[in-house]
N, C-alpha and C. Protein backbone atom coordinates (compact mmCIF):
# COMPACT_ATOMS: atom_id res chain seq x y z
N MET A 1 0.60 -79.64 23.66
CA MET A 1 0.37 -78.26 23.39
C MET A 1 0.89 -77.39 24.50
N GLY A 2 1.48 -77.70 25.49
CA GLY A 2 1.94 -76.80 26.53
C GLY A 2 0.99 -76.79 27.71
N ASP A 3 1.30 -75.93 28.63
CA ASP A 3 0.49 -75.85 29.84
C ASP A 3 -0.93 -75.39 29.52
N PRO A 4 -1.91 -75.91 30.27
CA PRO A 4 -3.27 -75.41 30.06
C PRO A 4 -3.37 -73.94 30.48
N ARG A 5 -4.35 -73.28 29.95
CA ARG A 5 -4.55 -71.87 30.25
C ARG A 5 -4.82 -71.71 31.75
N PRO A 6 -4.14 -70.77 32.42
CA PRO A 6 -4.38 -70.56 33.84
C PRO A 6 -5.78 -70.00 34.07
N GLU A 7 -6.38 -70.38 35.18
CA GLU A 7 -7.75 -69.96 35.44
C GLU A 7 -7.87 -69.11 36.70
N ASP A 8 -6.76 -68.70 37.29
CA ASP A 8 -6.80 -67.90 38.52
C ASP A 8 -7.24 -66.48 38.20
N PRO A 9 -8.43 -66.05 38.64
CA PRO A 9 -8.91 -64.71 38.33
C PRO A 9 -8.17 -63.61 39.09
N GLU A 10 -7.34 -63.98 40.06
CA GLU A 10 -6.63 -62.99 40.87
C GLU A 10 -5.17 -62.83 40.47
N MET A 11 -4.77 -63.33 39.30
CA MET A 11 -3.37 -63.23 38.89
C MET A 11 -2.98 -61.78 38.65
N THR A 12 -1.78 -61.43 39.08
CA THR A 12 -1.26 -60.09 38.81
C THR A 12 -0.79 -60.04 37.35
N ALA A 13 -0.53 -58.83 36.88
CA ALA A 13 -0.02 -58.67 35.51
C ALA A 13 1.30 -59.41 35.34
N ALA A 14 2.15 -59.37 36.36
CA ALA A 14 3.44 -60.05 36.29
C ALA A 14 3.25 -61.57 36.18
N GLU A 15 2.30 -62.11 36.94
CA GLU A 15 2.03 -63.55 36.87
C GLU A 15 1.45 -63.92 35.50
N GLN A 16 0.59 -63.05 34.96
CA GLN A 16 0.05 -63.31 33.63
C GLN A 16 1.16 -63.30 32.59
N ALA A 17 2.08 -62.35 32.72
CA ALA A 17 3.18 -62.23 31.76
C ALA A 17 4.05 -63.48 31.73
N GLU A 18 4.16 -64.17 32.87
CA GLU A 18 4.96 -65.40 32.92
C GLU A 18 4.37 -66.49 32.02
N HIS A 19 3.11 -66.41 31.70
CA HIS A 19 2.45 -67.43 30.88
C HIS A 19 2.49 -67.11 29.38
N LEU A 20 2.92 -65.91 29.01
CA LEU A 20 2.97 -65.54 27.61
C LEU A 20 4.10 -66.28 26.90
N ARG A 21 3.82 -66.78 25.74
CA ARG A 21 4.81 -67.50 24.95
C ARG A 21 4.70 -67.04 23.50
N PRO A 22 5.82 -66.90 22.79
CA PRO A 22 5.74 -66.57 21.37
C PRO A 22 5.06 -67.72 20.62
N THR A 23 4.18 -67.37 19.71
CA THR A 23 3.46 -68.41 18.96
C THR A 23 3.99 -68.58 17.54
N GLY A 24 4.70 -67.57 17.05
CA GLY A 24 5.15 -67.64 15.67
C GLY A 24 4.07 -67.22 14.69
N ASN A 25 2.88 -66.91 15.20
CA ASN A 25 1.80 -66.46 14.32
C ASN A 25 2.11 -65.06 13.83
N GLY A 26 1.81 -64.82 12.59
CA GLY A 26 1.97 -63.49 12.03
C GLY A 26 0.61 -62.93 11.65
N PRO A 27 0.59 -61.87 10.89
CA PRO A 27 -0.68 -61.32 10.43
C PRO A 27 -1.44 -62.35 9.59
N THR A 28 -2.75 -62.31 9.66
CA THR A 28 -3.55 -63.26 8.88
C THR A 28 -3.73 -62.79 7.44
N ALA A 29 -3.47 -61.52 7.19
CA ALA A 29 -3.56 -60.98 5.83
C ALA A 29 -2.27 -60.20 5.56
N THR A 30 -1.82 -60.24 4.32
CA THR A 30 -0.58 -59.54 4.00
C THR A 30 -0.73 -58.05 4.18
N ASP A 31 -1.87 -57.49 3.81
CA ASP A 31 -2.11 -56.06 3.98
C ASP A 31 -3.44 -55.90 4.72
N GLU A 32 -3.40 -56.12 6.02
CA GLU A 32 -4.61 -56.14 6.82
C GLU A 32 -5.36 -54.81 6.78
N ALA A 33 -4.64 -53.69 6.79
CA ALA A 33 -5.30 -52.38 6.77
C ALA A 33 -6.14 -52.21 5.51
N THR A 34 -5.64 -52.65 4.38
CA THR A 34 -6.40 -52.55 3.13
C THR A 34 -7.63 -53.43 3.16
N ALA A 35 -7.50 -54.64 3.68
CA ALA A 35 -8.64 -55.54 3.78
C ALA A 35 -9.70 -54.99 4.72
N LEU A 36 -9.28 -54.44 5.86
CA LEU A 36 -10.24 -53.86 6.81
C LEU A 36 -10.96 -52.65 6.20
N GLU A 37 -10.22 -51.81 5.50
CA GLU A 37 -10.83 -50.64 4.88
C GLU A 37 -11.82 -51.05 3.79
N ALA A 38 -11.51 -52.07 3.02
CA ALA A 38 -12.42 -52.55 1.99
C ALA A 38 -13.71 -53.08 2.61
N GLU A 39 -13.61 -53.71 3.77
CA GLU A 39 -14.78 -54.31 4.44
C GLU A 39 -15.60 -53.28 5.22
N PHE A 40 -14.90 -52.36 5.93
CA PHE A 40 -15.59 -51.49 6.88
C PHE A 40 -15.46 -50.00 6.61
N GLY A 41 -14.72 -49.61 5.56
CA GLY A 41 -14.48 -48.20 5.32
C GLY A 41 -13.26 -47.72 6.07
N LYS A 42 -12.96 -46.44 5.90
CA LYS A 42 -11.76 -45.87 6.54
C LYS A 42 -11.92 -45.90 8.05
N PRO A 43 -10.78 -46.05 8.77
CA PRO A 43 -10.85 -46.05 10.24
C PRO A 43 -11.15 -44.64 10.76
N ASP A 44 -11.73 -44.58 11.96
CA ASP A 44 -11.99 -43.28 12.57
C ASP A 44 -10.70 -42.72 13.15
N GLY A 45 -10.77 -41.61 13.86
CA GLY A 45 -9.59 -40.95 14.42
C GLY A 45 -8.84 -41.80 15.42
N ASP A 46 -9.49 -42.82 15.98
CA ASP A 46 -8.83 -43.71 16.93
C ASP A 46 -8.28 -44.96 16.25
N GLY A 47 -8.44 -45.04 14.93
CA GLY A 47 -7.94 -46.21 14.20
C GLY A 47 -8.89 -47.38 14.23
N VAL A 48 -10.16 -47.13 14.59
CA VAL A 48 -11.15 -48.20 14.68
C VAL A 48 -11.93 -48.28 13.37
N TYR A 49 -11.97 -49.46 12.78
CA TYR A 49 -12.71 -49.68 11.55
C TYR A 49 -14.15 -50.07 11.89
N GLY A 50 -15.11 -49.46 11.22
CA GLY A 50 -16.51 -49.85 11.37
C GLY A 50 -17.12 -49.44 12.69
N ALA A 51 -16.54 -48.40 13.35
CA ALA A 51 -17.12 -47.93 14.61
C ALA A 51 -18.46 -47.24 14.32
N PRO A 52 -19.40 -47.33 15.25
CA PRO A 52 -20.67 -46.64 15.06
C PRO A 52 -20.45 -45.13 14.90
N GLU A 53 -21.22 -44.51 14.04
CA GLU A 53 -21.09 -43.08 13.81
C GLU A 53 -21.49 -42.31 15.08
N GLY A 54 -20.66 -41.35 15.47
CA GLY A 54 -21.00 -40.46 16.58
C GLY A 54 -20.98 -41.11 17.95
N GLY A 55 -20.41 -42.27 18.09
CA GLY A 55 -20.38 -42.92 19.39
C GLY A 55 -19.05 -43.58 19.65
N ASP A 56 -18.93 -44.14 20.80
CA ASP A 56 -17.71 -44.87 21.14
C ASP A 56 -17.75 -46.26 20.52
N ALA A 57 -16.60 -46.79 20.20
CA ALA A 57 -16.52 -48.13 19.63
C ALA A 57 -16.71 -49.19 20.70
N ALA A 58 -16.51 -48.81 21.95
CA ALA A 58 -16.60 -49.78 23.05
C ALA A 58 -18.01 -50.06 23.47
């Protein structure tokens, strides 16, 4: 499967980027936006589906 996941908590963004590899994975649903809207309703102004009303999604 390739190199094990690095565990150095002090890696810079550049060092992290060196570990990124294309996976070939695509979307899990053909029309993800429609599936998300059906499950959680329309996204809010930030594009977040199912965010709590009147609060931050974070």
